[in-house]
Amino acid sequence: MEILVIPVGYLQENCYIAYDEDKVAVVIDPGDEGQKLVEAIRNRGLDVRYILLTHGHFDHTGAVMEIKNEFGAKLCVSGEDAEMLTDPQLSLAMRQRWKPEDISIDLLLSDGDVIEAGKMRFEVIATPGHSKGSVTYRCENVLFTGDTLFQGDCGRTDLYGGSYEQIKASLRRLADLEGDYQVLPGHGPDSTLEEERLHNIYMGAGV
């Protein structure tokens, strides 16, 4: 699996384009700058099968329909966050030029679901706390953690659907996974799960 990281929008949300040796691809959290993402995909000759959302906030969803319309990809989001895609108050998009009625969902995801795209297999791990339906995607040795786990930090929990107790439980769940993984968060630099176990106080480090 090859992974292209493209920070987009004024919040510099990390959009990930993952693809296999046959150029079958998924796009994770296309938050903004849709034309930039389309060009990156076309320049590599990728066949985008799915758009995977880690959660429903506007900075992770702003370019969804540009990718969907260009490539015919299926949009996947946790059932608990589906409401955010059609409600600009819940998604924090009220001040954005965004038409929530234009976003159409193809697959509602639950914990343990698997999305297969070419040779890639993305397992859905429910990690609520930043939002009700925040999820982490596990593929090979990589965790796409959205705004649940950052390098040395975790997502905020004071927004709609947020819960500090839930995000703490979600972080414990990630910490308890066997082995090590590359951690690719929704914002900021990447890390590893072992590094976060050792140094991230929100995962229990130093406690």
N, C-alpha and C. Protein backbone atom coordinates (compact mmCIF):
# COMPACT_ATOMS: atom_id res chain seq x y z
N MET A 1 0.84 -1.19 0.00
CA MET A 1 0.00 0.00 0.00
C MET A 1 0.88 1.24 0.00
N GLU A 2 0.61 2.14 -0.92
CA GLU A 2 1.25 3.45 -0.96
C GLU A 2 0.27 4.48 -0.41
N ILE A 3 0.80 5.49 0.29
CA ILE A 3 -0.07 6.50 0.89
C ILE A 3 0.45 7.89 0.55
N LEU A 4 -0.42 8.68 -0.05
CA LEU A 4 -0.12 10.07 -0.35
C LEU A 4 -0.83 10.93 0.68
N VAL A 5 -0.09 11.85 1.30
CA VAL A 5 -0.65 12.75 2.31
C VAL A 5 -0.74 14.15 1.71
N ILE A 6 -1.95 14.73 1.71
CA ILE A 6 -2.14 16.07 1.17
C ILE A 6 -2.88 16.91 2.21
N PRO A 7 -2.19 17.82 2.92
CA PRO A 7 -2.89 18.73 3.84
C PRO A 7 -3.73 19.72 3.04
N VAL A 8 -4.96 19.93 3.47
CA VAL A 8 -5.89 20.79 2.72
C VAL A 8 -6.61 21.74 3.66
N GLY A 9 -7.02 22.88 3.09
CA GLY A 9 -7.85 23.82 3.82
C GLY A 9 -7.07 24.65 4.84
N TYR A 10 -7.74 25.66 5.37
CA TYR A 10 -7.06 26.55 6.31
C TYR A 10 -6.76 25.88 7.64
N LEU A 11 -7.43 24.76 7.92
CA LEU A 11 -7.12 24.00 9.14
C LEU A 11 -6.07 22.92 8.89
N GLN A 12 -5.58 22.85 7.64
CA GLN A 12 -4.54 21.88 7.27
C GLN A 12 -4.90 20.47 7.71
N GLU A 13 -6.09 20.06 7.30
CA GLU A 13 -6.54 18.69 7.55
C GLU A 13 -5.81 17.74 6.62
N ASN A 14 -5.37 16.62 7.17
CA ASN A 14 -4.64 15.64 6.37
C ASN A 14 -5.61 14.76 5.58
N CYS A 15 -5.60 14.93 4.26
CA CYS A 15 -6.32 13.99 3.39
C CYS A 15 -5.33 12.92 2.96
N TYR A 16 -5.74 11.66 3.05
CA TYR A 16 -4.89 10.54 2.67
C TYR A 16 -5.47 9.84 1.44
N ILE A 17 -4.60 9.57 0.48
CA ILE A 17 -4.96 8.79 -0.68
C ILE A 17 -4.12 7.52 -0.62
N ALA A 18 -4.79 6.40 -0.37
CA ALA A 18 -4.10 5.11 -0.26
C ALA A 18 -4.41 4.28 -1.50
N TYR A 19 -3.38 3.63 -2.04
CA TYR A 19 -3.60 2.84 -3.25
C TYR A 19 -2.67 1.64 -3.29
N ASP A 20 -3.12 0.61 -4.02
CA ASP A 20 -2.34 -0.61 -4.11
C ASP A 20 -1.55 -0.65 -5.41
N GLU A 21 -0.89 -1.76 -5.66
CA GLU A 21 -0.01 -1.86 -6.83
C GLU A 21 -0.78 -1.84 -8.15
N ASP A 22 -2.08 -2.10 -8.07
CA ASP A 22 -2.92 -2.04 -9.27
C ASP A 22 -3.59 -0.67 -9.44
N LYS A 23 -3.21 0.28 -8.57
CA LYS A 23 -3.72 1.65 -8.61
C LYS A 23 -5.18 1.77 -8.19
N VAL A 24 -5.69 0.75 -7.51
CA VAL A 24 -6.99 0.88 -6.86
C VAL A 24 -6.78 1.74 -5.61
N ALA A 25 -7.67 2.70 -5.40
CA ALA A 25 -7.43 3.70 -4.35
C ALA A 25 -8.66 3.95 -3.49
N VAL A 26 -8.40 4.46 -2.29
CA VAL A 26 -9.43 5.05 -1.44
C VAL A 26 -8.93 6.42 -1.02
N VAL A 27 -9.86 7.34 -0.79
CA VAL A 27 -9.53 8.66 -0.29
C VAL A 27 -10.12 8.79 1.10
N ILE A 28 -9.27 9.13 2.05
CA ILE A 28 -9.70 9.24 3.44
C ILE A 28 -9.73 10.72 3.83
N ASP A 29 -10.91 11.19 4.21
CA ASP A 29 -11.13 12.55 4.71
C ASP A 29 -10.72 13.64 3.70
N PRO A 30 -11.39 13.72 2.55
CA PRO A 30 -11.14 14.82 1.62
C PRO A 30 -11.80 16.10 2.12
N GLY A 31 -11.05 16.89 2.87
CA GLY A 31 -11.65 17.99 3.62
C GLY A 31 -11.85 19.29 2.87
N ASP A 32 -11.05 19.52 1.80
CA ASP A 32 -11.13 20.80 1.10
C ASP A 32 -10.25 20.69 -0.15
N GLU A 33 -10.22 21.77 -0.92
CA GLU A 33 -9.36 21.86 -2.10
C GLU A 33 -9.55 20.66 -3.02
N GLY A 34 -10.81 20.46 -3.41
CA GLY A 34 -11.15 19.29 -4.21
C GLY A 34 -10.38 19.18 -5.50
N GLN A 35 -10.17 20.30 -6.20
CA GLN A 35 -9.46 20.23 -7.48
C GLN A 35 -8.02 19.78 -7.29
N LYS A 36 -7.42 20.21 -6.22
CA LYS A 36 -6.05 19.78 -5.90
C LYS A 36 -6.00 18.27 -5.71
N LEU A 37 -6.99 17.72 -5.03
CA LEU A 37 -7.04 16.28 -4.80
C LEU A 37 -7.32 15.53 -6.10
N VAL A 38 -8.25 16.05 -6.90
CA VAL A 38 -8.57 15.42 -8.18
C VAL A 38 -7.34 15.35 -9.06
N GLU A 39 -6.58 16.43 -9.12
CA GLU A 39 -5.38 16.45 -9.95
C GLU A 39 -4.35 15.45 -9.46
N ALA A 40 -4.18 15.35 -8.15
CA ALA A 40 -3.22 14.38 -7.60
C ALA A 40 -3.63 12.96 -7.95
N ILE A 41 -4.92 12.69 -7.90
CA ILE A 41 -5.43 11.35 -8.22
C ILE A 41 -5.24 11.06 -9.71
N ARG A 42 -5.62 12.02 -10.55
CA ARG A 42 -5.51 11.82 -12.00
C ARG A 42 -4.06 11.70 -12.44
N ASN A 43 -3.17 12.47 -11.85
CA ASN A 43 -1.76 12.43 -12.21
C ASN A 43 -1.14 11.06 -11.95
N ARG A 44 -1.72 10.32 -11.03
CA ARG A 44 -1.20 8.99 -10.70
C ARG A 44 -2.02 7.87 -11.35
N GLY A 45 -3.05 8.25 -12.09
CA GLY A 45 -3.86 7.26 -12.79
C GLY A 45 -4.60 6.31 -11.86
N LEU A 46 -5.11 6.83 -10.74
CA LEU A 46 -5.72 5.98 -9.72
C LEU A 46 -7.21 5.76 -9.98
N ASP A 47 -7.67 4.62 -9.56
CA ASP A 47 -9.07 4.22 -9.65
C ASP A 47 -9.67 4.29 -8.25
N VAL A 48 -10.33 5.39 -7.92
CA VAL A 48 -10.85 5.60 -6.56
C VAL A 48 -12.16 4.85 -6.40
N ARG A 49 -12.17 3.89 -5.47
CA ARG A 49 -13.37 3.09 -5.23
C ARG A 49 -14.21 3.61 -4.07
N TYR A 50 -13.54 4.13 -3.03
CA TYR A 50 -14.27 4.54 -1.82
C TYR A 50 -13.71 5.86 -1.28
N ILE A 51 -14.60 6.60 -0.64
CA ILE A 51 -14.22 7.72 0.21
C ILE A 51 -14.56 7.30 1.63
N LEU A 52 -13.57 7.28 2.50
CA LEU A 52 -13.76 6.87 3.89
C LEU A 52 -13.63 8.09 4.80
N LEU A 53 -14.65 8.34 5.59
CA LEU A 53 -14.62 9.45 6.53
C LEU A 53 -14.36 8.94 7.94
N THR A 54 -13.43 9.59 8.63
CA THR A 54 -13.21 9.23 10.04
C THR A 54 -14.27 9.84 10.94
N HIS A 55 -14.86 10.96 10.50
CA HIS A 55 -15.98 11.57 11.22
C HIS A 55 -16.58 12.66 10.34
N GLY A 56 -17.61 13.36 10.85
CA GLY A 56 -18.41 14.20 10.00
C GLY A 56 -18.16 15.69 10.04
N HIS A 57 -17.10 16.17 10.67
CA HIS A 57 -16.86 17.61 10.72
C HIS A 57 -16.48 18.15 9.34
N PHE A 58 -16.84 19.42 9.10
CA PHE A 58 -16.72 20.00 7.76
C PHE A 58 -15.30 19.97 7.21
N ASP A 59 -14.30 20.10 8.09
CA ASP A 59 -12.93 20.16 7.59
C ASP A 59 -12.41 18.81 7.12
N HIS A 60 -13.23 17.76 7.30
CA HIS A 60 -12.89 16.43 6.79
C HIS A 60 -13.79 16.01 5.64
N THR A 61 -14.76 16.84 5.29
CA THR A 61 -15.78 16.43 4.31
C THR A 61 -15.99 17.42 3.17
N GLY A 62 -15.31 18.56 3.19
CA GLY A 62 -15.63 19.64 2.26
C GLY A 62 -15.46 19.32 0.79
N ALA A 63 -14.58 18.36 0.45
CA ALA A 63 -14.36 18.02 -0.96
C ALA A 63 -14.95 16.67 -1.34
N VAL A 64 -15.81 16.13 -0.48
CA VAL A 64 -16.38 14.80 -0.72
C VAL A 64 -17.05 14.72 -2.08
N MET A 65 -17.93 15.66 -2.37
CA MET A 65 -18.72 15.53 -3.59
C MET A 65 -17.90 15.76 -4.85
N GLU A 66 -16.85 16.56 -4.78
CA GLU A 66 -15.97 16.70 -5.94
C GLU A 66 -15.30 15.37 -6.27
N ILE A 67 -14.83 14.67 -5.25
CA ILE A 67 -14.20 13.36 -5.47
C ILE A 67 -15.25 12.36 -5.93
N LYS A 68 -16.40 12.38 -5.30
CA LYS A 68 -17.47 11.43 -5.62
C LYS A 68 -17.94 11.61 -7.07
N ASN A 69 -18.14 12.84 -7.47
CA ASN A 69 -18.63 13.11 -8.82
C ASN A 69 -17.58 12.82 -9.89
N GLU A 70 -16.33 13.08 -9.59
CA GLU A 70 -15.27 12.85 -10.56
C GLU A 70 -15.00 11.37 -10.80
N PHE A 71 -15.06 10.56 -9.73
CA PHE A 71 -14.59 9.19 -9.83
C PHE A 71 -15.66 8.13 -9.54
N GLY A 72 -16.86 8.56 -9.15
CA GLY A 72 -17.90 7.59 -8.86
C GLY A 72 -17.64 6.76 -7.62
N ALA A 73 -16.84 7.29 -6.71
CA ALA A 73 -16.49 6.55 -5.50
C ALA A 73 -17.67 6.49 -4.54
N LYS A 74 -17.72 5.43 -3.73
CA LYS A 74 -18.77 5.29 -2.73
C LYS A 74 -18.34 5.95 -1.44
N LEU A 75 -19.26 6.72 -0.85
CA LEU A 75 -18.97 7.43 0.39
C LEU A 75 -19.38 6.60 1.59
N CYS A 76 -18.44 6.44 2.52
CA CYS A 76 -18.65 5.63 3.72
C CYS A 76 -18.43 6.48 4.97
N VAL A 77 -19.35 6.37 5.92
CA VAL A 77 -19.23 7.10 7.17
C VAL A 77 -19.95 6.30 8.25
N SER A 78 -19.52 6.47 9.48
CA SER A 78 -20.20 5.83 10.60
C SER A 78 -21.66 6.26 10.67
N GLY A 79 -22.52 5.32 10.98
CA GLY A 79 -23.94 5.65 11.10
C GLY A 79 -24.21 6.72 12.13
N GLU A 80 -23.40 6.77 13.18
CA GLU A 80 -23.61 7.76 14.23
C GLU A 80 -23.28 9.19 13.79
N ASP A 81 -22.46 9.33 12.76
CA ASP A 81 -22.09 10.67 12.29
C ASP A 81 -22.79 11.06 11.00
N ALA A 82 -23.65 10.20 10.49
CA ALA A 82 -24.32 10.50 9.21
C ALA A 82 -25.10 11.80 9.27
N GLU A 83 -25.72 12.09 10.40
CA GLU A 83 -26.53 13.30 10.52
C GLU A 83 -25.71 14.57 10.32
N MET A 84 -24.42 14.50 10.59
CA MET A 84 -23.57 15.68 10.48
C MET A 84 -23.39 16.12 9.03
N LEU A 85 -23.55 15.18 8.09
CA LEU A 85 -23.30 15.50 6.69
C LEU A 85 -24.44 16.30 6.06
N THR A 86 -25.56 16.37 6.73
CA THR A 86 -26.69 17.15 6.21
C THR A 86 -27.13 18.26 7.16
N ASP A 87 -26.33 18.52 8.18
CA ASP A 87 -26.67 19.57 9.14
C ASP A 87 -25.44 20.45 9.39
N PRO A 88 -25.41 21.64 8.80
CA PRO A 88 -24.23 22.49 8.93
C PRO A 88 -23.95 22.97 10.35
N GLN A 89 -24.94 22.91 11.22
CA GLN A 89 -24.67 23.26 12.62
C GLN A 89 -23.87 22.14 13.29
N LEU A 90 -24.27 20.91 13.06
CA LEU A 90 -23.59 19.79 13.69
C LEU A 90 -22.19 19.59 13.15
N SER A 91 -22.00 19.88 11.86
CA SER A 91 -20.69 19.67 11.23
C SER A 91 -19.78 20.87 11.38
N LEU A 92 -20.28 21.95 11.96
CA LEU A 92 -19.55 23.22 12.14
C LEU A 92 -19.33 23.94 10.82
N ALA A 93 -20.16 23.65 9.84
CA ALA A 93 -19.99 24.24 8.51
C ALA A 93 -20.86 25.46 8.27
N MET A 94 -21.50 26.00 9.29
CA MET A 94 -22.45 27.10 9.12
C MET A 94 -21.85 28.28 8.37
N ARG A 95 -20.58 28.55 8.61
CA ARG A 95 -19.95 29.71 7.98
C ARG A 95 -19.21 29.35 6.69
N GLN A 96 -19.36 28.12 6.25
CA GLN A 96 -18.69 27.67 5.03
C GLN A 96 -19.66 27.68 3.86
N ARG A 97 -19.15 27.86 2.68
CA ARG A 97 -19.97 27.78 1.47
C ARG A 97 -20.11 26.31 1.09
N TRP A 98 -21.04 25.66 1.72
CA TRP A 98 -21.20 24.22 1.59
C TRP A 98 -22.67 23.88 1.56
N LYS A 99 -23.08 23.03 0.65
CA LYS A 99 -24.48 22.65 0.52
C LYS A 99 -24.67 21.25 1.08
N PRO A 100 -25.12 21.11 2.32
CA PRO A 100 -25.20 19.79 2.93
C PRO A 100 -26.12 18.83 2.20
N GLU A 101 -27.13 19.35 1.51
CA GLU A 101 -28.06 18.46 0.82
C GLU A 101 -27.39 17.75 -0.37
N ASP A 102 -26.22 18.26 -0.80
CA ASP A 102 -25.54 17.66 -1.94
C ASP A 102 -24.76 16.40 -1.57
N ILE A 103 -24.51 16.17 -0.30
CA ILE A 103 -23.71 15.02 0.11
C ILE A 103 -24.60 13.79 0.24
N SER A 104 -24.27 12.77 -0.53
CA SER A 104 -25.04 11.52 -0.49
C SER A 104 -24.16 10.40 0.02
N ILE A 105 -24.68 9.66 0.98
CA ILE A 105 -23.94 8.57 1.63
C ILE A 105 -24.31 7.25 0.97
N ASP A 106 -23.31 6.41 0.74
CA ASP A 106 -23.55 5.09 0.14
C ASP A 106 -23.53 3.96 1.16
N LEU A 107 -22.64 4.05 2.15
CA LEU A 107 -22.50 2.97 3.13
C LEU A 107 -22.38 3.56 4.53
N LEU A 108 -23.23 3.07 5.44
CA LEU A 108 -23.12 3.42 6.85
C LEU A 108 -22.31 2.34 7.55
N LEU A 109 -21.30 2.76 8.26
CA LEU A 109 -20.35 1.83 8.85
C LEU A 109 -20.60 1.62 10.34
N SER A 110 -20.25 0.42 10.80
CA SER A 110 -20.30 0.07 12.22
C SER A 110 -18.98 -0.57 12.61
N ASP A 111 -18.76 -0.64 13.90
CA ASP A 111 -17.54 -1.25 14.43
C ASP A 111 -17.37 -2.66 13.88
N GLY A 112 -16.17 -2.96 13.38
CA GLY A 112 -15.87 -4.29 12.88
C GLY A 112 -16.12 -4.48 11.40
N ASP A 113 -16.78 -3.52 10.75
CA ASP A 113 -16.99 -3.62 9.31
C ASP A 113 -15.65 -3.59 8.58
N VAL A 114 -15.64 -4.15 7.40
CA VAL A 114 -14.42 -4.18 6.57
C VAL A 114 -14.77 -3.65 5.18
N ILE A 115 -13.96 -2.73 4.70
CA ILE A 115 -14.06 -2.22 3.33
C ILE A 115 -12.87 -2.76 2.55
N GLU A 116 -13.15 -3.48 1.48
CA GLU A 116 -12.09 -4.01 0.64
C GLU A 116 -12.02 -3.23 -0.66
N ALA A 117 -10.82 -2.77 -0.99
CA ALA A 117 -10.58 -2.04 -2.24
C ALA A 117 -9.31 -2.61 -2.86
N GLY A 118 -9.47 -3.34 -3.94
CA GLY A 118 -8.32 -4.01 -4.52
C GLY A 118 -7.69 -4.94 -3.51
N LYS A 119 -6.39 -4.78 -3.30
CA LYS A 119 -5.67 -5.62 -2.34
C LYS A 119 -5.67 -5.04 -0.93
N MET A 120 -6.34 -3.92 -0.73
CA MET A 120 -6.37 -3.27 0.58
C MET A 120 -7.63 -3.65 1.35
N ARG A 121 -7.46 -3.79 2.64
CA ARG A 121 -8.55 -4.19 3.52
C ARG A 121 -8.59 -3.23 4.71
N PHE A 122 -9.63 -2.41 4.79
CA PHE A 122 -9.76 -1.40 5.84
C PHE A 122 -10.77 -1.87 6.87
N GLU A 123 -10.28 -2.09 8.09
CA GLU A 123 -11.16 -2.49 9.19
C GLU A 123 -11.60 -1.26 9.97
N VAL A 124 -12.89 -1.20 10.27
CA VAL A 124 -13.45 -0.08 11.02
C VAL A 124 -13.35 -0.36 12.51
N ILE A 125 -12.69 0.55 13.23
CA ILE A 125 -12.60 0.47 14.68
C ILE A 125 -13.33 1.69 15.24
N ALA A 126 -14.42 1.47 15.94
CA ALA A 126 -15.17 2.58 16.52
C ALA A 126 -14.34 3.24 17.61
N THR A 127 -14.11 4.55 17.46
CA THR A 127 -13.34 5.30 18.45
C THR A 127 -14.06 6.62 18.76
N PRO A 128 -15.26 6.55 19.34
CA PRO A 128 -16.02 7.76 19.63
C PRO A 128 -15.35 8.61 20.70
N GLY A 129 -15.79 9.85 20.74
CA GLY A 129 -15.28 10.79 21.75
C GLY A 129 -15.10 12.17 21.17
N HIS A 130 -14.41 12.27 20.04
CA HIS A 130 -14.33 13.56 19.34
C HIS A 130 -15.69 13.87 18.73
N SER A 131 -16.33 12.85 18.21
CA SER A 131 -17.72 12.91 17.77
C SER A 131 -18.36 11.57 18.13
N LYS A 132 -19.67 11.49 18.01
CA LYS A 132 -20.36 10.24 18.37
C LYS A 132 -19.90 9.08 17.51
N GLY A 133 -19.62 9.36 16.25
CA GLY A 133 -19.32 8.28 15.31
C GLY A 133 -17.89 8.27 14.80
N SER A 134 -16.97 8.88 15.52
CA SER A 134 -15.57 8.85 15.07
C SER A 134 -15.08 7.41 14.96
N VAL A 135 -14.36 7.13 13.89
CA VAL A 135 -13.79 5.81 13.69
C VAL A 135 -12.33 5.92 13.31
N THR A 136 -11.61 4.84 13.55
CA THR A 136 -10.25 4.66 13.08
C THR A 136 -10.27 3.55 12.04
N TYR A 137 -9.51 3.72 10.96
CA TYR A 137 -9.40 2.68 9.95
C TYR A 137 -8.03 2.00 10.08
N ARG A 138 -8.05 0.67 10.18
CA ARG A 138 -6.82 -0.10 10.25
C ARG A 138 -6.61 -0.82 8.92
N CYS A 139 -5.47 -0.58 8.29
CA CYS A 139 -5.12 -1.27 7.06
C CYS A 139 -3.65 -1.61 7.11
N GLU A 140 -3.35 -2.90 7.00
CA GLU A 140 -1.98 -3.38 7.11
C GLU A 140 -1.38 -2.87 8.43
N ASN A 141 -0.27 -2.14 8.36
CA ASN A 141 0.37 -1.67 9.60
C ASN A 141 0.10 -0.19 9.86
N VAL A 142 -1.05 0.30 9.39
CA VAL A 142 -1.36 1.72 9.50
C VAL A 142 -2.71 1.91 10.19
N LEU A 143 -2.77 2.94 11.06
CA LEU A 143 -4.01 3.38 11.66
C LEU A 143 -4.29 4.80 11.19
N PHE A 144 -5.44 4.99 10.53
CA PHE A 144 -5.89 6.33 10.15
C PHE A 144 -6.83 6.78 11.27
N THR A 145 -6.35 7.66 12.13
CA THR A 145 -7.04 7.92 13.40
C THR A 145 -7.93 9.16 13.40
N GLY A 146 -7.98 9.90 12.29
CA GLY A 146 -8.83 11.09 12.27
C GLY A 146 -8.46 12.04 13.38
N ASP A 147 -9.46 12.57 14.08
CA ASP A 147 -9.20 13.50 15.17
C ASP A 147 -9.34 12.83 16.54
N THR A 148 -9.14 11.52 16.56
CA THR A 148 -9.13 10.81 17.85
C THR A 148 -7.75 10.87 18.49
N LEU A 149 -6.73 10.50 17.72
CA LEU A 149 -5.36 10.43 18.26
C LEU A 149 -4.42 11.23 17.38
N PHE A 150 -3.72 12.18 17.99
CA PHE A 150 -2.68 12.96 17.34
C PHE A 150 -1.33 12.62 17.96
N GLN A 151 -0.28 13.13 17.34
CA GLN A 151 1.04 12.99 17.95
C GLN A 151 1.04 13.76 19.28
N GLY A 152 1.15 13.02 20.38
CA GLY A 152 1.22 13.63 21.69
C GLY A 152 -0.06 14.26 22.20
N ASP A 153 -1.18 13.99 21.56
CA ASP A 153 -2.42 14.69 21.92
C ASP A 153 -3.61 13.85 21.50
N CYS A 154 -4.81 14.36 21.80
CA CYS A 154 -6.03 13.72 21.33
C CYS A 154 -7.01 14.81 20.88
N GLY A 155 -8.09 14.41 20.26
CA GLY A 155 -9.06 15.36 19.75
C GLY A 155 -9.85 16.04 20.85
N ARG A 156 -10.36 17.23 20.53
CA ARG A 156 -11.18 17.96 21.50
C ARG A 156 -12.53 17.26 21.65
N THR A 157 -13.15 17.46 22.80
CA THR A 157 -14.40 16.77 23.10
C THR A 157 -15.52 17.72 23.50
N ASP A 158 -15.34 19.02 23.24
CA ASP A 158 -16.33 20.01 23.66
C ASP A 158 -17.30 20.39 22.55
N LEU A 159 -17.27 19.67 21.43
CA LEU A 159 -18.17 19.92 20.32
C LEU A 159 -19.34 18.95 20.37
N TYR A 160 -20.33 19.15 19.49
CA TYR A 160 -21.50 18.28 19.46
C TYR A 160 -21.08 16.81 19.37
N GLY A 161 -21.64 15.99 20.24
CA GLY A 161 -21.36 14.56 20.22
C GLY A 161 -20.06 14.16 20.89
N GLY A 162 -19.32 15.13 21.39
CA GLY A 162 -18.04 14.82 22.02
C GLY A 162 -18.20 14.33 23.44
N SER A 163 -17.23 13.53 23.87
CA SER A 163 -17.25 13.00 25.24
C SER A 163 -15.83 12.66 25.66
N TYR A 164 -15.36 13.30 26.72
CA TYR A 164 -14.01 13.01 27.20
C TYR A 164 -13.90 11.56 27.68
N GLU A 165 -14.92 11.08 28.37
CA GLU A 165 -14.88 9.69 28.84
C GLU A 165 -14.81 8.71 27.67
N GLN A 166 -15.56 9.01 26.62
CA GLN A 166 -15.54 8.13 25.45
C GLN A 166 -14.19 8.16 24.74
N ILE A 167 -13.62 9.35 24.59
CA ILE A 167 -12.35 9.40 23.87
C ILE A 167 -11.24 8.73 24.69
N LYS A 168 -11.31 8.83 26.01
CA LYS A 168 -10.34 8.11 26.84
C LYS A 168 -10.47 6.60 26.64
N ALA A 169 -11.70 6.11 26.59
CA ALA A 169 -11.92 4.68 26.34
C ALA A 169 -11.44 4.29 24.95
N SER A 170 -11.66 5.16 23.97
CA SER A 170 -11.21 4.88 22.61
C SER A 170 -9.69 4.83 22.53
N LEU A 171 -9.04 5.73 23.23
CA LEU A 171 -7.58 5.73 23.24
C LEU A 171 -7.03 4.50 23.94
N ARG A 172 -7.71 4.05 24.98
CA ARG A 172 -7.30 2.80 25.64
C ARG A 172 -7.45 1.63 24.67
N ARG A 173 -8.53 1.65 23.89
CA ARG A 173 -8.75 0.58 22.93
C ARG A 173 -7.61 0.53 21.90
N LEU A 174 -7.22 1.71 21.42
CA LEU A 174 -6.11 1.75 20.46
C LEU A 174 -4.81 1.31 21.13
N ALA A 175 -4.58 1.76 22.34
CA ALA A 175 -3.35 1.39 23.05
C ALA A 175 -3.26 -0.12 23.27
N ASP A 176 -4.40 -0.77 23.39
CA ASP A 176 -4.44 -2.21 23.66
C ASP A 176 -4.29 -3.07 22.41
N LEU A 177 -4.26 -2.45 21.23
CA LEU A 177 -4.03 -3.24 20.02
C LEU A 177 -2.66 -3.91 20.09
N GLU A 178 -2.58 -5.13 19.61
CA GLU A 178 -1.30 -5.83 19.63
C GLU A 178 -0.36 -5.27 18.58
N GLY A 179 0.91 -5.16 18.94
CA GLY A 179 1.91 -4.73 17.99
C GLY A 179 1.96 -3.22 17.83
N ASP A 180 2.72 -2.81 16.83
CA ASP A 180 2.91 -1.39 16.56
C ASP A 180 2.30 -1.03 15.21
N TYR A 181 1.92 0.23 15.07
CA TYR A 181 1.33 0.72 13.83
C TYR A 181 1.84 2.13 13.55
N GLN A 182 1.88 2.49 12.29
CA GLN A 182 2.04 3.89 11.94
C GLN A 182 0.72 4.59 12.21
N VAL A 183 0.78 5.73 12.88
CA VAL A 183 -0.42 6.50 13.20
C VAL A 183 -0.49 7.70 12.26
N LEU A 184 -1.56 7.76 11.45
CA LEU A 184 -1.77 8.86 10.52
C LEU A 184 -3.01 9.64 10.98
N PRO A 185 -2.80 10.79 11.61
CA PRO A 185 -3.91 11.54 12.21
C PRO A 185 -4.56 12.52 11.24
N GLY A 186 -5.66 13.11 11.69
CA GLY A 186 -6.39 14.06 10.87
C GLY A 186 -5.71 15.40 10.72
N HIS A 187 -4.81 15.74 11.62
CA HIS A 187 -4.05 16.98 11.54
C HIS A 187 -2.66 16.72 12.11
N GLY A 188 -1.68 17.40 11.58
CA GLY A 188 -0.34 17.32 12.14
C GLY A 188 0.46 16.14 11.67
N PRO A 189 1.65 15.96 12.28
CA PRO A 189 2.58 14.92 11.82
C PRO A 189 2.13 13.52 12.21
N ASP A 190 2.70 12.55 11.51
CA ASP A 190 2.41 11.16 11.84
C ASP A 190 3.21 10.73 13.06
N SER A 191 2.90 9.56 13.55
CA SER A 191 3.59 9.01 14.72
C SER A 191 3.52 7.49 14.62
N THR A 192 3.81 6.84 15.71
CA THR A 192 3.61 5.39 15.81
C THR A 192 2.80 5.10 17.07
N LEU A 193 2.13 3.99 17.07
CA LEU A 193 1.32 3.65 18.24
C LEU A 193 2.21 3.44 19.46
N GLU A 194 3.36 2.83 19.28
CA GLU A 194 4.26 2.60 20.41
C GLU A 194 4.76 3.92 20.98
N GLU A 195 5.07 4.87 20.10
CA GLU A 195 5.50 6.19 20.56
C GLU A 195 4.41 6.85 21.39
N GLU A 196 3.17 6.71 20.96
CA GLU A 196 2.07 7.32 21.70
C GLU A 196 1.80 6.59 23.01
N ARG A 197 1.94 5.27 23.00
CA ARG A 197 1.80 4.53 24.27
C ARG A 197 2.81 5.04 25.30
N LEU A 198 4.02 5.35 24.84
CA LEU A 198 5.10 5.71 25.74
C LEU A 198 5.05 7.17 26.19
N HIS A 199 4.55 8.06 25.32
CA HIS A 199 4.72 9.48 25.59
C HIS A 199 3.43 10.31 25.60
N ASN A 200 2.32 9.76 25.17
CA ASN A 200 1.08 10.52 25.10
C ASN A 200 0.31 10.35 26.41
N ILE A 201 0.17 11.44 27.18
CA ILE A 201 -0.46 11.31 28.49
C ILE A 201 -1.92 10.90 28.38
N TYR A 202 -2.56 11.20 27.24
CA TYR A 202 -3.97 10.83 27.07
C TYR A 202 -4.14 9.33 26.84
N MET A 203 -3.04 8.65 26.53
CA MET A 203 -3.09 7.20 26.40
C MET A 203 -2.57 6.51 27.65
N GLY A 204 -2.34 7.30 28.69
CA GLY A 204 -1.93 6.72 29.96
C GLY A 204 -0.44 6.79 30.22
N ALA A 205 0.32 7.38 29.30
CA ALA A 205 1.77 7.48 29.50
C ALA A 205 2.07 8.32 30.73
N GLY A 206 2.98 7.82 31.57
CA GLY A 206 3.39 8.55 32.74
C GLY A 206 2.43 8.45 33.91
N VAL A 207 1.36 7.64 33.74
CA VAL A 207 0.37 7.50 34.82
C VAL A 207 0.73 6.30 35.69
